[in-house]
Amino acid sequence: MKILVCISHVPDTTSKINFTDSDSKFDTNGVQFVINPNDEFGLTRSMWFKEKQGASVDVVTVGGAEVEPTLRKALAIGADSAIRVDTTPLDGLQVAKELAEVVNSGGYDLVIAGRESIDYNGGMVPGMLAELTGSAFVNNCIGLEIDGNTATAMREMDGGKETISTNLPLIVGGQKGLVEESDLRIPNMRGIMMARKKPLNVVAPAQAEVNTAIVKFEKPAAKGAIKLVDADNLDELIKLLHNEAKVI
């Protein structure tokens, strides 16, 4: 079984976020980048298929040379090889089309992507990729088993869970539950050394059309000052709720 794991190169959530060029571009100075958490759950699950069922695992991302440390981390965790599509990701459909070229040319049985990236939270790419490749698709996936050519997937839905059976090829939009956070793997020294020798292939983009553009970023409005009221002064609390907060 050939598995492809889609990796997004995203800012660590502890990074301080700023913008440049009249708030139209993300400022990467001083920002630590990591594997998108939803993708990391999928990568860890793919390692299980590799160890238990002898699957081969490739990882792929769309981006410039700056994303290669993130791909090397995925290789250190255990992926066999990495692919970088050499173009700047600007649009969800553009990224899906570039990934579709990799999927179609690689003959993959299973593609695991995160349900969304934590930077733009678009949640579009896995579904688009499934349509472009003619594959079955399960989003919000929290459980996955493969038996021969049959996949059994569990997905999270409003009010419960749903179990689905389908044939490969399959595109999965994974999230926490596919594996638990305690199952995530930290690269050890041996893995890091081996990752240096594993292939990282840079491929030319398909030059997919970009149909959208970022106009402006805006940070959330600053929170107002907090007023503390003594626990015994209920009259003051009611006055503030009525006159300032205007909730009563």
C-alpha atoms as a PDB file:
ATOM      1  CA  MET A   1       0.000   0.000   0.000  1.00  0.00           C
ATOM      2  CA  LYS A   2       1.293   3.415  -0.994  1.00  0.00           C
ATOM      3  CA  ILE A   3       0.407   6.274   1.344  1.00  0.00           C
ATOM      4  CA  LEU A   4       0.862   9.986   0.738  1.00  0.00           C
ATOM      5  CA  VAL A   5       0.605  12.363   3.694  1.00  0.00           C
ATOM      6  CA  CYS A   6      -0.025  16.030   2.900  1.00  0.00           C
ATOM      7  CA  ILE A   7       1.953  18.325   5.187  1.00  0.00           C
ATOM      8  CA  SER A   8       1.250  22.006   5.822  1.00  0.00           C
ATOM      9  CA  HIS A   9       4.073  24.259   7.041  1.00  0.00           C
ATOM     10  CA  VAL A  10       2.338  26.444   9.642  1.00  0.00           C
ATOM     11  CA  PRO A  11       3.323  28.912  12.388  1.00  0.00           C
ATOM     12  CA  ASP A  12       3.539  27.568  15.911  1.00  0.00           C
ATOM     13  CA  THR A  13       0.514  28.795  17.852  1.00  0.00           C
ATOM     14  CA  THR A  14       2.820  30.390  20.437  1.00  0.00           C
ATOM     15  CA  SER A  15       4.355  32.688  17.806  1.00  0.00           C
ATOM     16  CA  LYS A  16       3.595  36.389  17.834  1.00  0.00           C
ATOM     17  CA  ILE A  17       1.745  37.230  14.634  1.00  0.00           C
ATOM     18  CA  ASN A  18       2.371  40.452  12.688  1.00  0.00           C
ATOM     19  CA  PHE A  19       1.694  41.692   9.158  1.00  0.00           C
ATOM     20  CA  THR A  20       3.560  43.858   6.650  1.00  0.00           C
ATOM     21  CA  ASP A  21       2.824  45.763   3.419  1.00  0.00           C
ATOM     22  CA  SER A  22      -0.270  47.553   4.737  1.00  0.00           C
ATOM     23  CA  ASP A  23      -1.384  44.377   6.542  1.00  0.00           C
ATOM     24  CA  SER A  24      -1.547  42.407   3.291  1.00  0.00           C
ATOM     25  CA  LYS A  25       1.315  39.958   3.988  1.00  0.00           C
ATOM     26  CA  PHE A  26       2.193  37.708   6.904  1.00  0.00           C
ATOM     27  CA  ASP A  27       5.466  38.671   8.604  1.00  0.00           C
ATOM     28  CA  THR A  28       7.553  35.514   9.062  1.00  0.00           C
ATOM     29  CA  ASN A  29      10.377  37.193  10.999  1.00  0.00           C
ATOM     30  CA  GLY A  30      10.957  35.434  14.305  1.00  0.00           C
ATOM     31  CA  VAL A  31       8.178  32.902  13.670  1.00  0.00           C
ATOM     32  CA  GLN A  32       8.740  29.213  14.434  1.00  0.00           C
ATOM     33  CA  PHE A  33       7.116  26.882  11.884  1.00  0.00           C
ATOM     34  CA  VAL A  34       5.875  23.351  12.607  1.00  0.00           C
ATOM     35  CA  ILE A  35       3.972  20.484  11.000  1.00  0.00           C
ATOM     36  CA  ASN A  36       0.275  21.337  10.966  1.00  0.00           C
ATOM     37  CA  PRO A  37      -1.202  19.450  13.963  1.00  0.00           C
ATOM     38  CA  ASN A  38      -4.019  17.826  11.957  1.00  0.00           C
ATOM     39  CA  ASP A  39      -1.417  16.599   9.462  1.00  0.00           C
ATOM     40  CA  GLU A  40       0.764  15.262  12.267  1.00  0.00           C
ATOM     41  CA  PHE A  41      -2.096  13.041  13.455  1.00  0.00           C
ATOM     42  CA  GLY A  42      -2.296  11.639   9.921  1.00  0.00           C
ATOM     43  CA  LEU A  43       1.464  11.160   9.682  1.00  0.00           C
ATOM     44  CA  THR A  44       1.499   9.237  12.944  1.00  0.00           C
ATOM     45  CA  ARG A  45      -1.352   7.011  11.762  1.00  0.00           C
ATOM     46  CA  SER A  46       0.514   6.322   8.534  1.00  0.00           C
ATOM     47  CA  MET A  47       3.494   5.148  10.589  1.00  0.00           C
ATOM     48  CA  TRP A  48       1.223   2.501  12.114  1.00  0.00           C
ATOM     49  CA  PHE A  49       0.304   1.253   8.621  1.00  0.00           C
ATOM     50  CA  LYS A  50       3.983   1.220   7.705  1.00  0.00           C
ATOM     51  CA  GLU A  51       5.001  -0.795  10.763  1.00  0.00           C
ATOM     52  CA  LYS A  52       2.018  -3.163  10.901  1.00  0.00           C
ATOM     53  CA  GLN A  53       1.182  -3.624   7.217  1.00  0.00           C
ATOM     54  CA  GLY A  54       4.394  -2.772   5.384  1.00  0.00           C
ATOM     55  CA  ALA A  55       3.040   0.355   3.715  1.00  0.00           C
ATOM     56  CA  SER A  56       5.344   2.897   2.097  1.00  0.00           C
ATOM     57  CA  VAL A  57       4.847   6.494   3.228  1.00  0.00           C
ATOM     58  CA  ASP A  58       5.671   9.661   1.306  1.00  0.00           C
ATOM     59  CA  VAL A  59       5.016  13.198   2.462  1.00  0.00           C
ATOM     60  CA  VAL A  60       4.284  16.208   0.266  1.00  0.00           C
ATOM     61  CA  THR A  61       3.874  19.946   0.609  1.00  0.00           C
ATOM     62  CA  VAL A  62       3.482  22.918  -1.697  1.00  0.00           C
ATOM     63  CA  GLY A  63       5.967  25.712  -1.010  1.00  0.00           C
ATOM     64  CA  GLY A  64       9.423  27.185  -1.380  1.00  0.00           C
ATOM     65  CA  ALA A  65      12.716  26.025   0.089  1.00  0.00           C
ATOM     66  CA  GLU A  66      11.707  27.458   3.483  1.00  0.00           C
ATOM     67  CA  VAL A  67       9.344  24.501   4.052  1.00  0.00           C
ATOM     68  CA  GLU A  68      12.063  21.847   3.761  1.00  0.00           C
ATOM     69  CA  PRO A  69      12.906  21.736   7.514  1.00  0.00           C
ATOM     70  CA  THR A  70       9.280  20.761   8.148  1.00  0.00           C
ATOM     71  CA  LEU A  71       9.525  18.000   5.541  1.00  0.00           C
ATOM     72  CA  ARG A  72      12.800  16.815   7.089  1.00  0.00           C
ATOM     73  CA  LYS A  73      11.038  16.545  10.443  1.00  0.00           C
ATOM     74  CA  ALA A  74       8.393  14.338   8.812  1.00  0.00           C
ATOM     75  CA  LEU A  75      11.190  12.179   7.383  1.00  0.00           C
ATOM     76  CA  ALA A  76      12.786  11.981  10.834  1.00  0.00           C
ATOM     77  CA  ILE A  77       9.483  10.777  12.270  1.00  0.00           C
ATOM     78  CA  GLY A  78       9.581   7.898   9.775  1.00  0.00           C
ATOM     79  CA  ALA A  79       8.352   8.840   6.306  1.00  0.00           C
ATOM     80  CA  ASP A  80      10.300   7.186   3.482  1.00  0.00           C
ATOM     81  CA  SER A  81      10.610  10.149   1.125  1.00  0.00           C
ATOM     82  CA  ALA A  82       9.406  13.718   0.685  1.00  0.00           C
ATOM     83  CA  ILE A  83       8.109  15.764  -2.231  1.00  0.00           C
ATOM     84  CA  ARG A  84       8.106  19.548  -2.446  1.00  0.00           C
ATOM     85  CA  VAL A  85       6.067  21.208  -5.184  1.00  0.00           C
ATOM     86  CA  ASP A  86       8.130  24.289  -5.925  1.00  0.00           C
ATOM     87  CA  THR A  87       5.567  27.084  -5.893  1.00  0.00           C
ATOM     88  CA  THR A  88       4.050  29.471  -3.362  1.00  0.00           C
ATOM     89  CA  PRO A  89       0.661  28.304  -2.008  1.00  0.00           C
ATOM     90  CA  LEU A  90      -1.757  31.173  -2.562  1.00  0.00           C
ATOM     91  CA  ASP A  91      -5.158  29.570  -2.991  1.00  0.00           C
ATOM     92  CA  GLY A  92      -6.920  26.397  -1.791  1.00  0.00           C
ATOM     93  CA  LEU A  93      -7.848  25.203  -5.284  1.00  0.00           C
ATOM     94  CA  GLN A  94      -4.358  25.961  -6.557  1.00  0.00           C
ATOM     95  CA  VAL A  95      -2.856  23.794  -3.803  1.00  0.00           C
ATOM     96  CA  ALA A  96      -5.363  20.996  -4.443  1.00  0.00           C
ATOM     97  CA  LYS A  97      -4.523  20.970  -8.167  1.00  0.00           C
ATOM     98  CA  GLU A  98      -0.785  20.842  -7.469  1.00  0.00           C
ATOM     99  CA  LEU A  99      -1.297  17.963  -5.023  1.00  0.00           C
ATOM    100  CA  ALA A 100      -3.558  16.161  -7.503  1.00  0.00           C
ATOM    101  CA  GLU A 101      -0.670  16.050  -9.990  1.00  0.00           C
ATOM    102  CA  VAL A 102       1.475  14.330  -7.352  1.00  0.00           C
ATOM    103  CA  VAL A 103      -1.289  11.891  -6.380  1.00  0.00           C
ATOM    104  CA  ASN A 104      -2.122  10.921  -9.959  1.00  0.00           C
ATOM    105  CA  SER A 105       1.495  10.469 -11.005  1.00  0.00           C
ATOM    106  CA  GLY A 106       2.415   8.537  -7.847  1.00  0.00           C
ATOM    107  CA  GLY A 107      -0.386   5.949  -7.917  1.00  0.00           C
ATOM    108  CA  TYR A 108      -1.193   6.297  -4.211  1.00  0.00           C
ATOM    109  CA  ASP A 109      -3.788   4.090  -2.553  1.00  0.00           C
ATOM    110  CA  LEU A 110      -4.360   6.327   0.462  1.00  0.00           C
ATOM    111  CA  VAL A 111      -3.874  10.068   0.885  1.00  0.00           C
ATOM    112  CA  ILE A 112      -4.069  11.495   4.406  1.00  0.00           C
ATOM    113  CA  ALA A 113      -4.394  15.246   4.833  1.00  0.00           C
ATOM    114  CA  GLY A 114      -5.431  17.298   7.822  1.00  0.00           C
ATOM    115  CA  ARG A 115      -9.051  18.417   7.760  1.00  0.00           C
ATOM    116  CA  GLU A 116      -7.703  22.002   7.813  1.00  0.00           C
ATOM    117  CA  SER A 117      -4.502  23.918   8.509  1.00  0.00           C
ATOM    118  CA  ILE A 118      -4.265  26.026  11.647  1.00  0.00           C
ATOM    119  CA  ASP A 119      -3.068  29.142   9.817  1.00  0.00           C
ATOM    120  CA  TYR A 120      -5.892  29.914   7.368  1.00  0.00           C
ATOM    121  CA  ASN A 121      -8.401  27.255   8.536  1.00  0.00           C
ATOM    122  CA  GLY A 122      -9.836  26.978   5.020  1.00  0.00           C
ATOM    123  CA  GLY A 123     -10.717  23.279   5.256  1.00  0.00           C
ATOM    124  CA  MET A 124     -11.029  23.102   1.446  1.00  0.00           C
ATOM    125  CA  VAL A 125      -8.048  21.192   0.110  1.00  0.00           C
ATOM    126  CA  PRO A 126      -8.854  17.543   1.054  1.00  0.00           C
ATOM    127  CA  GLY A 127     -12.328  17.631  -0.503  1.00  0.00           C
ATOM    128  CA  MET A 128     -11.092  19.378  -3.636  1.00  0.00           C
ATOM    129  CA  LEU A 129      -8.261  16.862  -3.925  1.00  0.00           C
ATOM    130  CA  ALA A 130     -10.717  13.964  -3.740  1.00  0.00           C
ATOM    131  CA  GLU A 131     -12.815  15.464  -6.545  1.00  0.00           C
ATOM    132  CA  LEU A 132      -9.785  16.149  -8.728  1.00  0.00           C
ATOM    133  CA  THR A 133      -8.451  12.600  -8.330  1.00  0.00           C
ATOM    134  CA  GLY A 134     -11.794  10.779  -8.445  1.00  0.00           C
ATOM    135  CA  SER A 135     -11.211   9.250  -5.018  1.00  0.00           C
ATOM    136  CA  ALA A 136     -13.552   8.467  -2.148  1.00  0.00           C
ATOM    137  CA  PHE A 137     -13.419  11.085   0.614  1.00  0.00           C
ATOM    138  CA  VAL A 138     -13.922  11.026   4.376  1.00  0.00           C
ATOM    139  CA  ASN A 139     -13.548  14.274   6.296  1.00  0.00           C
ATOM    140  CA  ASN A 140     -13.247  14.869  10.063  1.00  0.00           C
ATOM    141  CA  CYS A 141     -11.772  11.375  10.259  1.00  0.00           C
ATOM    142  CA  ILE A 142     -11.092  10.073  13.785  1.00  0.00           C
ATOM    143  CA  GLY A 143     -10.492   6.401  13.019  1.00  0.00           C
ATOM    144  CA  LEU A 144      -9.072   4.460  10.070  1.00  0.00           C
ATOM    145  CA  GLU A 145      -8.423   0.779   9.369  1.00  0.00           C
ATOM    146  CA  ILE A 146      -7.306  -0.782   6.076  1.00  0.00           C
ATOM    147  CA  ASP A 147      -7.927  -4.412   5.118  1.00  0.00           C
ATOM    148  CA  GLY A 148      -6.719  -5.217   1.623  1.00  0.00           C
ATOM    149  CA  ASN A 149      -8.542  -2.832  -0.702  1.00  0.00           C
ATOM    150  CA  THR A 150     -11.202  -1.927   1.857  1.00  0.00           C
ATOM    151  CA  ALA A 151     -11.018   1.012   4.233  1.00  0.00           C
ATOM    152  CA  THR A 152     -13.170   1.442   7.317  1.00  0.00           C
ATOM    153  CA  ALA A 153     -13.211   5.024   8.554  1.00  0.00           C
ATOM    154  CA  MET A 154     -14.917   6.721  11.466  1.00  0.00           C
ATOM    155  CA  ARG A 155     -15.733  10.391  11.234  1.00  0.00           C
ATOM    156  CA  GLU A 156     -16.962  12.938  13.720  1.00  0.00           C
ATOM    157  CA  MET A 157     -20.341  14.482  12.964  1.00  0.00           C
ATOM    158  CA  ASP A 158     -22.845  16.720  14.735  1.00  0.00           C
ATOM    159  CA  GLY A 159     -24.209  14.775  17.682  1.00  0.00           C
ATOM    160  CA  GLY A 160     -22.124  11.655  17.251  1.00  0.00           C
ATOM    161  CA  LYS A 161     -19.880   9.525  15.071  1.00  0.00           C
ATOM    162  CA  GLU A 162     -20.350   7.731  11.767  1.00  0.00           C
ATOM    163  CA  THR A 163     -18.535   4.624  10.514  1.00  0.00           C
ATOM    164  CA  ILE A 164     -18.048   4.307   6.753  1.00  0.00           C
ATOM    165  CA  SER A 165     -16.699   1.479   4.596  1.00  0.00           C
ATOM    166  CA  THR A 166     -15.261   2.229   1.159  1.00  0.00           C
ATOM    167  CA  ASN A 167     -12.730   0.975  -1.352  1.00  0.00           C
ATOM    168  CA  LEU A 168      -9.320   2.469  -2.035  1.00  0.00           C
ATOM    169  CA  PRO A 169      -8.172   4.899  -3.364  1.00  0.00           C
ATOM    170  CA  LEU A 170      -9.268   7.115  -0.499  1.00  0.00           C
ATOM    171  CA  ILE A 171      -8.623  10.713   0.581  1.00  0.00           C
ATOM    172  CA  VAL A 172      -8.893  11.368   4.318  1.00  0.00           C
ATOM    173  CA  GLY A 173      -9.222  14.684   6.134  1.00  0.00           C
ATOM    174  CA  GLY A 174      -7.839  13.717   9.529  1.00  0.00           C
ATOM    175  CA  GLN A 175      -7.914  15.286  12.961  1.00  0.00           C
ATOM    176  CA  LYS A 176      -7.307  14.474  16.618  1.00  0.00           C
ATOM    177  CA  GLY A 177      -8.730  11.028  17.285  1.00  0.00           C
ATOM    178  CA  LEU A 178      -7.098   9.506  14.228  1.00  0.00           C
ATOM    179  CA  VAL A 179      -4.407   9.137  16.856  1.00  0.00           C
ATOM    180  CA  GLU A 180      -4.260  10.774  20.269  1.00  0.00           C
ATOM    181  CA  GLU A 181      -1.802  13.503  21.211  1.00  0.00           C
ATOM    182  CA  SER A 182       0.004  11.014  23.455  1.00  0.00           C
ATOM    183  CA  ASP A 183       0.724   8.884  20.354  1.00  0.00           C
ATOM    184  CA  LEU A 184       2.512  11.652  18.444  1.00  0.00           C
ATOM    185  CA  ARG A 185       6.164  10.937  17.786  1.00  0.00           C
ATOM    186  CA  ILE A 186       9.145  13.146  18.524  1.00  0.00           C
ATOM    187  CA  PRO A 187      12.094  12.601  16.169  1.00  0.00           C
ATOM    188  CA  ASN A 188      15.012  10.916  17.906  1.00  0.00           C
ATOM    189  CA  MET A 189      18.670  11.329  16.981  1.00  0.00           C
ATOM    190  CA  ARG A 190      18.691   8.192  14.841  1.00  0.00           C
ATOM    191  CA  GLY A 191      15.635   9.388  12.938  1.00  0.00           C
ATOM    192  CA  ILE A 192      17.178  12.821  12.404  1.00  0.00           C
ATOM    193  CA  MET A 193      20.386  11.309  11.050  1.00  0.00           C
ATOM    194  CA  MET A 194      18.485   8.939   8.749  1.00  0.00           C
ATOM    195  CA  ALA A 195      16.313  11.800   7.473  1.00  0.00           C
ATOM    196  CA  ARG A 196      19.409  13.473   6.014  1.00  0.00           C
ATOM    197  CA  LYS A 197      19.886  10.522   3.671  1.00  0.00           C
ATOM    198  CA  LYS A 198      16.256  10.122   2.616  1.00  0.00           C
ATOM    199  CA  PRO A 199      15.181  11.619  -0.726  1.00  0.00           C
ATOM    200  CA  LEU A 200      13.529  15.041  -0.791  1.00  0.00           C
ATOM    201  CA  ASN A 201      12.397  15.553  -4.357  1.00  0.00           C
ATOM    202  CA  VAL A 202      11.606  19.020  -5.677  1.00  0.00           C
ATOM    203  CA  VAL A 203       9.115  18.929  -8.546  1.00  0.00           C
ATOM    204  CA  ALA A 204       8.025  21.659 -10.923  1.00  0.00           C
ATOM    205  CA  PRO A 205       4.525  23.023 -10.332  1.00  0.00           C
ATOM    206  CA  ALA A 206       1.638  22.406 -12.667  1.00  0.00           C
ATOM    207  CA  GLN A 207       1.150  26.201 -12.725  1.00  0.00           C
ATOM    208  CA  ALA A 208      -2.412  25.943 -11.456  1.00  0.00           C
ATOM    209  CA  GLU A 209      -4.369  29.177 -11.745  1.00  0.00           C
ATOM    210  CA  VAL A 210      -4.775  31.291  -8.598  1.00  0.00           C
ATOM    211  CA  ASN A 211      -8.335  32.624  -8.366  1.00  0.00           C
ATOM    212  CA  THR A 212      -8.308  34.471  -5.050  1.00  0.00           C
ATOM    213  CA  ALA A 213      -6.072  37.050  -3.400  1.00  0.00           C
ATOM    214  CA  ILE A 214      -5.576  38.292   0.142  1.00  0.00           C
ATOM    215  CA  VAL A 215      -6.645  41.911   0.482  1.00  0.00           C
ATOM    216  CA  LYS A 216      -5.932  42.549   4.138  1.00  0.00           C
ATOM    217  CA  PHE A 217      -5.347  40.861   7.484  1.00  0.00           C
ATOM    218  CA  GLU A 218      -6.863  42.212  10.691  1.00  0.00           C
ATOM    219  CA  LYS A 219      -6.065  41.191  14.239  1.00  0.00           C
ATOM    220  CA  PRO A 220      -8.925  40.706  16.726  1.00  0.00           C
ATOM    221  CA  ALA A 221      -9.838  43.866  18.611  1.00  0.00           C
ATOM    222  CA  ALA A 222      -8.021  44.292  21.910  1.00  0.00           C
ATOM    223  CA  LYS A 223      -9.990  43.204  24.940  1.00  0.00           C
ATOM    224  CA  GLY A 224     -11.215  45.912  27.288  1.00  0.00           C
ATOM    225  CA  ALA A 225      -9.890  46.415  30.799  1.00  0.00           C
ATOM    226  CA  ILE A 226     -11.213  44.140  33.520  1.00  0.00           C
ATOM    227  CA  LYS A 227     -12.969  45.574  36.528  1.00  0.00           C
ATOM    228  CA  LEU A 228     -12.867  43.575  39.730  1.00  0.00           C
ATOM    229  CA  VAL A 229     -15.758  43.885  42.166  1.00  0.00           C
ATOM    230  CA  ASP A 230     -15.589  42.782  45.766  1.00  0.00           C
ATOM    231  CA  ALA A 231     -17.643  39.655  46.389  1.00  0.00           C
ATOM    232  CA  ASP A 232     -19.655  41.454  49.075  1.00  0.00           C
ATOM    233  CA  ASN A 233     -20.495  44.464  46.886  1.00  0.00           C
ATOM    234  CA  LEU A 234     -23.371  43.053  44.834  1.00  0.00           C
ATOM    235  CA  ASP A 235     -24.960  46.476  44.364  1.00  0.00           C
ATOM    236  CA  GLU A 236     -21.850  47.697  42.519  1.00  0.00           C
ATOM    237  CA  LEU A 237     -21.812  44.576  40.355  1.00  0.00           C
ATOM    238  CA  ILE A 238     -25.458  45.052  39.360  1.00  0.00           C
ATOM    239  CA  LYS A 239     -24.831  48.728  38.621  1.00  0.00           C
ATOM    240  CA  LEU A 240     -21.914  47.904  36.307  1.00  0.00           C
ATOM    241  CA  LEU A 241     -23.823  45.144  34.520  1.00  0.00           C
ATOM    242  CA  HIS A 242     -26.739  47.488  33.966  1.00  0.00           C
ATOM    243  CA  ASN A 243     -25.027  50.772  33.102  1.00  0.00           C
ATOM    244  CA  GLU A 244     -21.756  49.661  31.419  1.00  0.00           C
ATOM    245  CA  ALA A 245     -22.134  46.112  30.171  1.00  0.00           C
ATOM    246  CA  LYS A 246     -25.839  46.679  29.480  1.00  0.00           C
ATOM    247  CA  VAL A 247     -26.653  43.009  29.894  1.00  0.00           C
ATOM    248  CA  ILE A 248     -29.410  43.485  32.470  1.00  0.00           C
END
